[in-house]
């Protein structure tokens, strides 16, 4: 399952450099005023870390599972490998 950033985001910028897949943007590319996680690039850090790094550093705890993008750990691992082996 990909992660999603809620409207509670304060745009503090701490999550952006933590993502091993560069899945997080400032939202301007999708016309948002808060940070955004691109679900096609988010692997919840499967393949890179034991825990999602953006969740670990978020000071307002506004990052949660995206119910519209459910994926198994195996699917997340395969996505991670596809991103980093292309």
Protein backbone atom coordinates (compact mmCIF):
# COMPACT_ATOMS: atom_id res chain seq x y z
CA UNK A 1 0.00 0.00 0.00
CA UNK A 2 1.34 3.39 -0.87
CA UNK A 3 1.26 6.17 1.68
CA UNK A 4 -0.64 9.44 1.54
CA UNK A 5 -0.03 12.83 3.17
CA UNK A 6 -3.08 14.38 4.82
CA UNK A 7 -4.14 18.02 4.86
CA UNK A 8 -2.46 18.32 8.27
CA UNK A 9 0.87 18.65 6.42
CA UNK A 10 2.77 21.78 7.43
CA UNK A 11 5.16 21.70 4.45
CA UNK A 12 8.12 21.39 6.81
CA UNK A 13 10.19 19.60 4.13
CA UNK A 14 11.67 16.90 6.40
CA UNK A 15 10.10 13.99 4.51
CA UNK A 16 11.33 15.00 1.06
CA UNK A 17 14.99 13.93 1.35
CA UNK A 18 14.11 10.75 3.28
CA UNK A 19 12.37 8.92 0.43
CA UNK A 20 14.65 6.37 -1.26
CA UNK A 21 12.42 6.38 -4.37
CA UNK A 22 12.01 10.15 -4.72
CA UNK A 23 8.24 9.57 -4.49
CA UNK A 24 7.57 12.75 -2.49
CA UNK A 25 7.12 16.13 -4.14
CA UNK A 26 6.17 19.56 -2.87
CA UNK A 27 2.75 19.10 -4.48
CA UNK A 28 3.19 21.75 -7.16
CA UNK A 29 3.38 19.09 -9.88
CA UNK A 30 -0.12 17.87 -8.96
CA UNK A 31 -1.58 21.28 -8.10
CA UNK A 32 -1.58 20.85 -4.31
CA UNK A 33 -0.49 23.17 -1.52
CA UNK A 34 0.88 20.30 0.59
CA UNK A 35 3.47 17.62 -0.01
CA UNK A 36 2.36 14.67 -2.13
CA UNK A 37 3.45 11.04 -2.36
CA UNK A 38 3.28 9.61 -5.89
CA UNK A 39 1.70 6.17 -5.40
CA UNK A 40 3.44 4.69 -8.45
CA UNK A 41 6.81 5.36 -6.76
CA UNK A 42 5.96 4.72 -3.10
CA UNK A 43 7.01 1.34 -1.72
CA UNK A 44 6.62 2.26 1.97
CA UNK A 45 10.41 1.90 1.97
CA UNK A 46 10.12 -1.86 1.39
CA UNK A 47 13.41 -2.85 -0.19
CA UNK A 48 15.33 -0.01 1.44
CA UNK A 49 14.34 0.26 5.13
CA UNK A 50 12.33 -1.61 7.74
CA UNK A 51 9.96 1.32 8.29
CA UNK A 52 8.70 4.13 6.04
CA UNK A 53 11.22 6.90 6.56
CA UNK A 54 8.79 9.73 5.87
CA UNK A 55 6.53 8.47 8.66
CA UNK A 56 9.50 8.23 11.01
CA UNK A 57 10.50 11.89 10.54
CA UNK A 58 7.09 13.57 10.15
CA UNK A 59 6.61 15.91 13.13
CA UNK A 60 2.83 16.18 12.71
CA UNK A 61 2.13 12.51 11.95
CA UNK A 62 0.21 13.29 8.78
CA UNK A 63 1.39 10.34 6.67
CA UNK A 64 -0.75 7.23 6.62
CA UNK A 65 -1.61 4.26 4.38
CA UNK A 66 -3.48 5.18 1.21
CA UNK A 67 -6.58 2.95 1.06
CA UNK A 68 -6.83 3.56 -2.70
CA UNK A 69 -3.44 1.92 -3.33
CA UNK A 70 -3.28 -1.36 -1.43
CA UNK A 71 -0.31 -3.58 -2.28
CA UNK A 72 1.31 -6.62 -0.66
CA UNK A 73 4.87 -6.55 0.67
CA UNK A 74 5.84 -8.68 -2.33
CA UNK A 75 4.31 -6.19 -4.75
CA UNK A 76 6.06 -3.30 -2.98
CA UNK A 77 9.38 -5.16 -3.17
CA UNK A 78 8.87 -5.82 -6.88
CA UNK A 79 8.05 -2.14 -7.44
CA UNK A 80 11.18 -1.10 -5.52
CA UNK A 81 13.34 -3.41 -7.64
CA UNK A 82 11.77 -2.12 -10.86
CA UNK A 83 12.42 1.49 -9.84
CA UNK A 84 16.04 0.89 -8.90
CA UNK A 85 16.99 -1.57 -11.63
CA UNK A 86 15.77 0.45 -14.59
